[in-house]
Amino acid sequence: AYKECRYTVWPSDVVSHLSGPYHRLKGTESQEIARAVRRWRGLVHGHREFQVPDAIEEPIAALPL
């Protein structure tokens, strides 16, 4: 069964996150998911690429306060 954890991880950390104590996925499954994540267009791959906006027009529904 899928567990929603709501954590954000860098693409390079997907395998270790999914294989960790919360999700406990097998290595092959977590690697398959990591490969799929790396194919996402527009994905930020590291902190040097990440830019926090100064302001936004509308709240982001996926980020509850």
PDB file of N, CA and C in Angstrom:
ATOM      1  N   ALA A   1       0.835  -1.188   0.000  1.00  0.00           N
ATOM      2  CA  ALA A   1       0.000   0.000   0.000  1.00  0.00           C
ATOM      3  C   ALA A   1       0.876   1.247   0.000  1.00  0.00           C
ATOM      4  N   TYR A   2       0.414   2.259  -0.692  1.00  0.00           N
ATOM      5  CA  TYR A   2       1.150   3.513  -0.798  1.00  0.00           C
ATOM      6  C   TYR A   2       1.028   4.301   0.491  1.00  0.00           C
ATOM      7  N   LYS A   3       2.151   4.875   0.919  1.00  0.00           N
ATOM      8  CA  LYS A   3       2.151   5.747   2.091  1.00  0.00           C
ATOM      9  C   LYS A   3       2.506   7.151   1.638  1.00  0.00           C
ATOM     10  N   GLU A   4       1.670   8.116   1.967  1.00  0.00           N
ATOM     11  CA  GLU A   4       1.952   9.504   1.639  1.00  0.00           C
ATOM     12  C   GLU A   4       2.703  10.130   2.795  1.00  0.00           C
ATOM     13  N   CYS A   5       3.920  10.586   2.536  1.00  0.00           N
ATOM     14  CA  CYS A   5       4.714  11.144   3.634  1.00  0.00           C
ATOM     15  C   CYS A   5       4.828  12.658   3.571  1.00  0.00           C
ATOM     16  N   ARG A   6       4.646  13.265   2.383  1.00  0.00           N
ATOM     17  CA  ARG A   6       4.667  14.709   2.196  1.00  0.00           C
ATOM     18  C   ARG A   6       6.039  15.337   2.443  1.00  0.00           C
ATOM     19  N   TYR A   7       7.104  14.554   2.340  1.00  0.00           N
ATOM     20  CA  TYR A   7       8.459  15.091   2.427  1.00  0.00           C
ATOM     21  C   TYR A   7       8.942  15.438   1.030  1.00  0.00           C
ATOM     22  N   THR A   8       9.814  16.424   0.957  1.00  0.00           N
ATOM     23  CA  THR A   8      10.465  16.766  -0.301  1.00  0.00           C
ATOM     24  C   THR A   8      11.898  16.277  -0.235  1.00  0.00           C
ATOM     25  N   VAL A   9      12.331  15.590  -1.272  1.00  0.00           N
ATOM     26  CA  VAL A   9      13.723  15.126  -1.333  1.00  0.00           C
ATOM     27  C   VAL A   9      14.297  15.485  -2.686  1.00  0.00           C
ATOM     28  N   TRP A  10      15.598  15.712  -2.736  1.00  0.00           N
ATOM     29  CA  TRP A  10      16.274  15.951  -4.004  1.00  0.00           C
ATOM     30  C   TRP A  10      16.221  14.671  -4.826  1.00  0.00           C
ATOM     31  N   PRO A  11      16.215  14.786  -6.148  1.00  0.00           N
ATOM     32  CA  PRO A  11      16.182  13.589  -6.997  1.00  0.00           C
ATOM     33  C   PRO A  11      17.284  12.585  -6.655  1.00  0.00           C
ATOM     34  N   SER A  12      18.450  13.059  -6.267  1.00  0.00           N
ATOM     35  CA  SER A  12      19.552  12.148  -5.927  1.00  0.00           C
ATOM     36  C   SER A  12      19.294  11.375  -4.632  1.00  0.00           C
ATOM     37  N   ASP A  13      18.292  11.790  -3.858  1.00  0.00           N
ATOM     38  CA  ASP A  13      17.991  11.133  -2.580  1.00  0.00           C
ATOM     39  C   ASP A  13      16.739  10.264  -2.624  1.00  0.00           C
ATOM     40  N   VAL A  14      16.098  10.160  -3.792  1.00  0.00           N
ATOM     41  CA  VAL A  14      14.842   9.405  -3.903  1.00  0.00           C
ATOM     42  C   VAL A  14      15.028   7.943  -3.492  1.00  0.00           C
ATOM     43  N   VAL A  15      16.063   7.292  -3.984  1.00  0.00           N
ATOM     44  CA  VAL A  15      16.269   5.864  -3.686  1.00  0.00           C
ATOM     45  C   VAL A  15      16.432   5.651  -2.188  1.00  0.00           C
ATOM     46  N   SER A  16      17.296   6.422  -1.546  1.00  0.00           N
ATOM     47  CA  SER A  16      17.521   6.213  -0.105  1.00  0.00           C
ATOM     48  C   SER A  16      16.276   6.569   0.695  1.00  0.00           C
ATOM     49  N   HIS A  17      15.539   7.587   0.268  1.00  0.00           N
ATOM     50  CA  HIS A  17      14.311   7.965   0.978  1.00  0.00           C
ATOM     51  C   HIS A  17      13.263   6.849   0.894  1.00  0.00           C
ATOM     52  N   LEU A  18      13.070   6.322  -0.320  1.00  0.00           N
ATOM     53  CA  LEU A  18      12.044   5.286  -0.498  1.00  0.00           C
ATOM     54  C   LEU A  18      12.465   3.945   0.094  1.00  0.00           C
ATOM     55  N   SER A  19      13.761   3.720   0.233  1.00  0.00           N
ATOM     56  CA  SER A  19      14.253   2.469   0.821  1.00  0.00           C
ATOM     57  C   SER A  19      14.346   2.555   2.342  1.00  0.00           C
ATOM     58  N   GLY A  20      14.164   3.758   2.879  1.00  0.00           N
ATOM     59  CA  GLY A  20      14.313   3.990   4.314  1.00  0.00           C
ATOM     60  C   GLY A  20      13.181   3.409   5.145  1.00  0.00           C
ATOM     61  N   PRO A  21      13.208   3.682   6.446  1.00  0.00           N
ATOM     62  CA  PRO A  21      12.280   3.052   7.389  1.00  0.00           C
ATOM     63  C   PRO A  21      10.807   3.415   7.208  1.00  0.00           C
ATOM     64  N   TYR A  22      10.506   4.534   6.582  1.00  0.00           N
ATOM     65  CA  TYR A  22       9.098   4.910   6.431  1.00  0.00           C
ATOM     66  C   TYR A  22       8.439   4.158   5.281  1.00  0.00           C
ATOM     67  N   HIS A  23       9.082   4.166   4.098  1.00  0.00           N
ATOM     68  CA  HIS A  23       8.483   3.536   2.922  1.00  0.00           C
ATOM     69  C   HIS A  23       8.869   2.065   2.771  1.00  0.00           C
ATOM     70  N   ARG A  24      10.105   1.744   3.082  1.00  0.00           N
ATOM     71  CA  ARG A  24      10.611   0.374   3.046  1.00  0.00           C
ATOM     72  C   ARG A  24      10.413  -0.339   1.709  1.00  0.00           C
ATOM     73  N   LEU A  25      10.654   0.385   0.617  1.00  0.00           N
ATOM     74  CA  LEU A  25      10.548  -0.246  -0.696  1.00  0.00           C
ATOM     75  C   LEU A  25      11.820  -1.018  -1.004  1.00  0.00           C
ATOM     76  N   LYS A  26      11.692  -2.036  -1.832  1.00  0.00           N
ATOM     77  CA  LYS A  26      12.861  -2.794  -2.266  1.00  0.00           C
ATOM     78  C   LYS A  26      13.702  -1.921  -3.186  1.00  0.00           C
ATOM     79  N   GLY A  27      14.983  -2.208  -3.257  1.00  0.00           N
ATOM     80  CA  GLY A  27      15.914  -1.416  -4.051  1.00  0.00           C
ATOM     81  C   GLY A  27      15.502  -1.257  -5.492  1.00  0.00           C
ATOM     82  N   THR A  28      15.034  -2.351  -6.103  1.00  0.00           N
ATOM     83  CA  THR A  28      14.652  -2.274  -7.516  1.00  0.00           C
ATOM     84  C   THR A  28      13.454  -1.354  -7.720  1.00  0.00           C
ATOM     85  N   GLU A  29      12.506  -1.396  -6.810  1.00  0.00           N
ATOM     86  CA  GLU A  29      11.316  -0.550  -6.931  1.00  0.00           C
ATOM     87  C   GLU A  29      11.672   0.920  -6.711  1.00  0.00           C
ATOM     88  N   SER A  30      12.489   1.203  -5.695  1.00  0.00           N
ATOM     89  CA  SER A  30      12.867   2.592  -5.437  1.00  0.00           C
ATOM     90  C   SER A  30      13.732   3.138  -6.572  1.00  0.00           C
ATOM     91  N   GLN A  31      14.573   2.301  -7.175  1.00  0.00           N
ATOM     92  CA  GLN A  31      15.392   2.749  -8.307  1.00  0.00           C
ATOM     93  C   GLN A  31      14.530   3.036  -9.533  1.00  0.00           C
ATOM     94  N   GLU A  32      13.516   2.232  -9.755  1.00  0.00           N
ATOM     95  CA  GLU A  32      12.600   2.459 -10.876  1.00  0.00           C
ATOM     96  C   GLU A  32      11.866   3.788 -10.707  1.00  0.00           C
ATOM     97  N   ILE A  33      11.414   4.060  -9.497  1.00  0.00           N
ATOM     98  CA  ILE A  33      10.726   5.330  -9.223  1.00  0.00           C
ATOM     99  C   ILE A  33      11.690   6.494  -9.401  1.00  0.00           C
ATOM    100  N   ALA A  34      12.920   6.355  -8.917  1.00  0.00           N
ATOM    101  CA  ALA A  34      13.918   7.414  -9.060  1.00  0.00           C
ATOM    102  C   ALA A  34      14.201   7.709 -10.534  1.00  0.00           C
ATOM    103  N   ARG A  35      14.269   6.682 -11.360  1.00  0.00           N
ATOM    104  CA  ARG A  35      14.483   6.889 -12.801  1.00  0.00           C
ATOM    105  C   ARG A  35      13.319   7.676 -13.405  1.00  0.00           C
ATOM    106  N   ALA A  36      12.104   7.348 -12.989  1.00  0.00           N
ATOM    107  CA  ALA A  36      10.926   8.059 -13.493  1.00  0.00           C
ATOM    108  C   ALA A  36      10.955   9.526 -13.039  1.00  0.00           C
ATOM    109  N   VAL A  37      11.330   9.760 -11.808  1.00  0.00           N
ATOM    110  CA  VAL A  37      11.400  11.130 -11.280  1.00  0.00           C
ATOM    111  C   VAL A  37      12.424  11.949 -12.065  1.00  0.00           C
ATOM    112  N   ARG A  38      13.575  11.365 -12.371  1.00  0.00           N
ATOM    113  CA  ARG A  38      14.625  12.092 -13.102  1.00  0.00           C
ATOM    114  C   ARG A  38      14.177  12.507 -14.508  1.00  0.00           C
ATOM    115  N   ARG A  39      13.143  11.860 -15.042  1.00  0.00           N
ATOM    116  CA  ARG A  39      12.629  12.212 -16.377  1.00  0.00           C
ATOM    117  C   ARG A  39      11.629  13.373 -16.346  1.00  0.00           C
ATOM    118  N   TRP A  40      11.208  13.795 -15.154  1.00  0.00           N
ATOM    119  CA  TRP A  40      10.240  14.891 -15.060  1.00  0.00           C
ATOM    120  C   TRP A  40      10.841  16.161 -15.641  1.00  0.00           C
ATOM    121  N   ARG A  41      10.117  16.820 -16.505  1.00  0.00           N
ATOM    122  CA  ARG A  41      10.569  18.094 -17.088  1.00  0.00           C
ATOM    123  C   ARG A  41      10.496  19.199 -16.045  1.00  0.00           C
ATOM    124  N   GLY A  42      11.494  20.071 -16.076  1.00  0.00           N
ATOM    125  CA  GLY A  42      11.495  21.226 -15.188  1.00  0.00           C
ATOM    126  C   GLY A  42      11.887  20.923 -13.755  1.00  0.00           C
ATOM    127  N   LEU A  43      12.301  19.703 -13.500  1.00  0.00           N
ATOM    128  CA  LEU A  43      12.657  19.302 -12.137  1.00  0.00           C
ATOM    129  C   LEU A  43      13.965  19.959 -11.709  1.00  0.00           C
ATOM    130  N   VAL A  44      13.989  20.491 -10.512  1.00  0.00           N
ATOM    131  CA  VAL A  44      15.204  21.082  -9.947  1.00  0.00           C
ATOM    132  C   VAL A  44      16.009  19.948  -9.327  1.00  0.00           C
ATOM    133  N   HIS A  45      17.265  19.831  -9.719  1.00  0.00           N
ATOM    134  CA  HIS A  45      18.076  18.703  -9.279  1.00  0.00           C
ATOM    135  C   HIS A  45      18.967  18.994  -8.085  1.00  0.00           C
ATOM    136  N   GLY A  46      19.072  20.236  -7.660  1.00  0.00           N
ATOM    137  CA  GLY A  46      19.927  20.543  -6.520  1.00  0.00           C
ATOM    138  C   GLY A  46      19.665  21.935  -5.980  1.00  0.00           C
ATOM    139  N   HIS A  47      20.236  22.212  -4.831  1.00  0.00           N
ATOM    140  CA  HIS A  47      19.964  23.473  -4.152  1.00  0.00           C
ATOM    141  C   HIS A  47      20.459  24.694  -4.933  1.00  0.00           C
ATOM    142  N   ARG A  48      21.455  24.537  -5.774  1.00  0.00           N
ATOM    143  CA  ARG A  48      21.956  25.681  -6.554  1.00  0.00           C
ATOM    144  C   ARG A  48      20.955  26.123  -7.618  1.00  0.00           C
ATOM    145  N   GLU A  49      20.108  25.218  -8.066  1.00  0.00           N
ATOM    146  CA  GLU A  49      19.086  25.540  -9.069  1.00  0.00           C
ATOM    147  C   GLU A  49      17.802  26.051  -8.431  1.00  0.00           C
ATOM    148  N   PHE A  50      17.619  25.774  -7.158  1.00  0.00           N
ATOM    149  CA  PHE A  50      16.361  26.077  -6.468  1.00  0.00           C
ATOM    150  C   PHE A  50      16.264  27.562  -6.158  1.00  0.00           C
ATOM    151  N   GLN A  51      15.169  28.195  -6.553  1.00  0.00           N
ATOM    152  CA  GLN A  51      14.958  29.608  -6.283  1.00  0.00           C
ATOM    153  C   GLN A  51      13.621  29.781  -5.569  1.00  0.00           C
ATOM    154  N   VAL A  52      13.663  30.406  -4.414  1.00  0.00           N
ATOM    155  CA  VAL A  52      12.448  30.691  -3.655  1.00  0.00           C
ATOM    156  C   VAL A  52      11.885  32.013  -4.173  1.00  0.00           C
ATOM    157  N   PRO A  53      10.623  32.032  -4.575  1.00  0.00           N
ATOM    158  CA  PRO A  53      10.058  33.289  -5.083  1.00  0.00           C
ATOM    159  C   PRO A  53       9.910  34.318  -3.965  1.00  0.00           C
ATOM    160  N   ASP A  54      10.027  35.577  -4.326  1.00  0.00           N
ATOM    161  CA  ASP A  54       9.840  36.662  -3.348  1.00  0.00           C
ATOM    162  C   ASP A  54       8.383  36.746  -2.908  1.00  0.00           C
ATOM    163  N   ALA A  55       7.482  36.503  -3.852  1.00  0.00           N
ATOM    164  CA  ALA A  55       6.047  36.556  -3.557  1.00  0.00           C
ATOM    165  C   ALA A  55       5.320  35.690  -4.583  1.00  0.00           C
ATOM    166  N   ILE A  56       4.104  35.289  -4.234  1.00  0.00           N
ATOM    167  CA  ILE A  56       3.259  34.543  -5.162  1.00  0.00           C
ATOM    168  C   ILE A  56       1.887  35.198  -5.203  1.00  0.00           C
ATOM    169  N   GLU A  57       1.185  35.038  -6.317  1.00  0.00           N
ATOM    170  CA  GLU A  57      -0.146  35.630  -6.492  1.00  0.00           C
ATOM    171  C   GLU A  57      -1.220  34.855  -5.728  1.00  0.00           C
ATOM    172  N   GLU A  58      -1.142  33.518  -5.806  1.00  0.00           N
ATOM    173  CA  GLU A  58      -2.152  32.643  -5.209  1.00  0.00           C
ATOM    174  C   GLU A  58      -1.472  31.623  -4.306  1.00  0.00           C
ATOM    175  N   PRO A  59      -2.129  31.186  -3.235  1.00  0.00           N
ATOM    176  CA  PRO A  59      -1.555  30.124  -2.409  1.00  0.00           C
ATOM    177  C   PRO A  59      -1.383  28.835  -3.221  1.00  0.00           C
ATOM    178  N   ILE A  60      -0.410  28.045  -2.860  1.00  0.00           N
ATOM    179  CA  ILE A  60      -0.166  26.765  -3.525  1.00  0.00           C
ATOM    180  C   ILE A  60      -0.922  25.700  -2.742  1.00  0.00           C
ATOM    181  N   ALA A  61      -1.949  25.136  -3.358  1.00  0.00           N
ATOM    182  CA  ALA A  61      -2.848  24.206  -2.670  1.00  0.00           C
ATOM    183  C   ALA A  61      -2.111  22.989  -2.108  1.00  0.00           C
ATOM    184  N   ALA A  62      -1.048  22.538  -2.776  1.00  0.00           N
ATOM    185  CA  ALA A  62      -0.328  21.354  -2.333  1.00  0.00           C
ATOM    186  C   ALA A  62       0.584  21.629  -1.131  1.00  0.00           C
ATOM    187  N   LEU A  63       0.675  22.898  -0.723  1.00  0.00           N
ATOM    188  CA  LEU A  63       1.516  23.271   0.419  1.00  0.00           C
ATOM    189  C   LEU A  63       0.640  23.830   1.535  1.00  0.00           C
ATOM    190  N   PRO A  64       0.085  22.952   2.355  1.00  0.00           N
ATOM    191  CA  PRO A  64      -0.804  23.427   3.412  1.00  0.00           C
ATOM    192  C   PRO A  64      -0.037  24.239   4.462  1.00  0.00           C
ATOM    193  N   LEU A  65      -0.693  25.224   4.996  1.00  0.00           N
ATOM    194  CA  LEU A  65      -0.084  26.032   6.071  1.00  0.00           C
ATOM    195  C   LEU A  65      -0.438  25.480   7.420  1.00  0.00           C
TER     196      LEU A  65
END
